[in-house]
């Protein structure tokens, strides 16, 4: 399991909602993309910016899942 999949809890989707799966997959991919560049950089500011981006992708996935499942 990738770091992105872990952070969005890819395996947690009790309703088996395809929208939730899609949201989490896209967010995990974005987190993984940022994480690979974070790891490759030695510049503290670049690493900080990628860390912020990863945190925001994680939060965005949470809000998108909430929106996609509202009223169900």
C-alpha atoms as a PDB file:
ATOM      1  CA  UNK A   1       0.000   0.000   0.000  1.00  0.00           C
ATOM      2  CA  UNK A   2       1.392   3.417  -0.953  1.00  0.00           C
ATOM      3  CA  UNK A   3       1.689   6.381   1.383  1.00  0.00           C
ATOM      4  CA  UNK A   4      -1.206   8.051  -0.456  1.00  0.00           C
ATOM      5  CA  UNK A   5      -3.408   4.984  -0.088  1.00  0.00           C
ATOM      6  CA  UNK A   6      -2.604   4.832   3.611  1.00  0.00           C
ATOM      7  CA  UNK A   7      -3.367   8.500   4.178  1.00  0.00           C
ATOM      8  CA  UNK A   8      -6.781   8.423   2.485  1.00  0.00           C
ATOM      9  CA  UNK A   9      -7.547   5.022   4.020  1.00  0.00           C
ATOM     10  CA  UNK A  10      -8.128   3.481   0.619  1.00  0.00           C
ATOM     11  CA  UNK A  11      -9.381   0.205   2.090  1.00  0.00           C
ATOM     12  CA  UNK A  12     -12.085   1.884   4.192  1.00  0.00           C
ATOM     13  CA  UNK A  13     -15.269   2.161   2.144  1.00  0.00           C
ATOM     14  CA  UNK A  14     -17.951   0.193   4.008  1.00  0.00           C
ATOM     15  CA  UNK A  15     -20.696   1.157   1.560  1.00  0.00           C
ATOM     16  CA  UNK A  16     -18.573   0.133  -1.456  1.00  0.00           C
ATOM     17  CA  UNK A  17     -19.485   3.478  -3.023  1.00  0.00           C
ATOM     18  CA  UNK A  18     -17.741   3.878  -6.392  1.00  0.00           C
ATOM     19  CA  UNK A  19     -17.599   7.675  -6.018  1.00  0.00           C
ATOM     20  CA  UNK A  20     -15.740   7.266  -2.712  1.00  0.00           C
ATOM     21  CA  UNK A  21     -13.333   4.832  -4.348  1.00  0.00           C
ATOM     22  CA  UNK A  22     -12.714   7.256  -7.228  1.00  0.00           C
ATOM     23  CA  UNK A  23     -12.151  10.233  -4.923  1.00  0.00           C
ATOM     24  CA  UNK A  24      -9.734   8.289  -2.758  1.00  0.00           C
ATOM     25  CA  UNK A  25      -7.838   6.872  -5.762  1.00  0.00           C
ATOM     26  CA  UNK A  26      -7.327  10.329  -7.279  1.00  0.00           C
ATOM     27  CA  UNK A  27      -6.253  11.863  -3.963  1.00  0.00           C
ATOM     28  CA  UNK A  28      -3.893   8.957  -3.237  1.00  0.00           C
ATOM     29  CA  UNK A  29      -2.285   9.386  -6.654  1.00  0.00           C
ATOM     30  CA  UNK A  30      -1.772  13.109  -6.029  1.00  0.00           C
ATOM     31  CA  UNK A  31      -0.271  12.434  -2.615  1.00  0.00           C
ATOM     32  CA  UNK A  32       2.044   9.788  -4.065  1.00  0.00           C
ATOM     33  CA  UNK A  33       3.150  12.175  -6.835  1.00  0.00           C
ATOM     34  CA  UNK A  34       3.998  14.866  -4.261  1.00  0.00           C
ATOM     35  CA  UNK A  35       5.646  12.364  -1.939  1.00  0.00           C
ATOM     36  CA  UNK A  36       8.029  11.149  -4.641  1.00  0.00           C
ATOM     37  CA  UNK A  37       9.169  14.725  -5.265  1.00  0.00           C
ATOM     38  CA  UNK A  38       9.316  15.456  -1.539  1.00  0.00           C
ATOM     39  CA  UNK A  39      11.680  12.507  -1.096  1.00  0.00           C
ATOM     40  CA  UNK A  40      13.839  13.564  -4.055  1.00  0.00           C
ATOM     41  CA  UNK A  41      14.350  17.119  -2.844  1.00  0.00           C
ATOM     42  CA  UNK A  42      16.931  18.373  -0.390  1.00  0.00           C
ATOM     43  CA  UNK A  43      15.560  21.930  -0.396  1.00  0.00           C
ATOM     44  CA  UNK A  44      13.737  22.576   2.885  1.00  0.00           C
ATOM     45  CA  UNK A  45      11.270  25.030   1.336  1.00  0.00           C
ATOM     46  CA  UNK A  46      10.387  22.662  -1.515  1.00  0.00           C
ATOM     47  CA  UNK A  47       9.864  19.838   0.978  1.00  0.00           C
ATOM     48  CA  UNK A  48       7.656  22.089   3.133  1.00  0.00           C
ATOM     49  CA  UNK A  49       5.511  22.999   0.132  1.00  0.00           C
ATOM     50  CA  UNK A  50       5.078  19.362  -0.913  1.00  0.00           C
ATOM     51  CA  UNK A  51       4.205  18.429   2.689  1.00  0.00           C
ATOM     52  CA  UNK A  52       1.518  21.121   2.751  1.00  0.00           C
ATOM     53  CA  UNK A  53       0.163  19.917  -0.583  1.00  0.00           C
ATOM     54  CA  UNK A  54      -0.044  16.331   0.662  1.00  0.00           C
ATOM     55  CA  UNK A  55      -1.901  17.429   3.783  1.00  0.00           C
ATOM     56  CA  UNK A  56      -4.340  19.468   1.717  1.00  0.00           C
ATOM     57  CA  UNK A  57      -4.973  16.591  -0.728  1.00  0.00           C
ATOM     58  CA  UNK A  58      -5.755  14.383   2.273  1.00  0.00           C
ATOM     59  CA  UNK A  59      -8.179  16.956   3.671  1.00  0.00           C
ATOM     60  CA  UNK A  60      -9.749  17.567   0.266  1.00  0.00           C
ATOM     61  CA  UNK A  61     -10.423  13.844  -0.130  1.00  0.00           C
ATOM     62  CA  UNK A  62     -12.143  13.782   3.238  1.00  0.00           C
ATOM     63  CA  UNK A  63     -14.413  16.709   2.322  1.00  0.00           C
ATOM     64  CA  UNK A  64     -15.133  15.292  -1.142  1.00  0.00           C
ATOM     65  CA  UNK A  65     -16.129  11.926   0.371  1.00  0.00           C
ATOM     66  CA  UNK A  66     -18.396  13.754   2.795  1.00  0.00           C
ATOM     67  CA  UNK A  67     -20.023  15.635  -0.091  1.00  0.00           C
ATOM     68  CA  UNK A  68     -20.361  12.515  -2.250  1.00  0.00           C
ATOM     69  CA  UNK A  69     -22.064  10.582   0.526  1.00  0.00           C
ATOM     70  CA  UNK A  70     -24.274  13.366   1.923  1.00  0.00           C
ATOM     71  CA  UNK A  71     -27.888  12.359   2.082  1.00  0.00           C
ATOM     72  CA  UNK A  72     -27.287   8.700   1.322  1.00  0.00           C
END
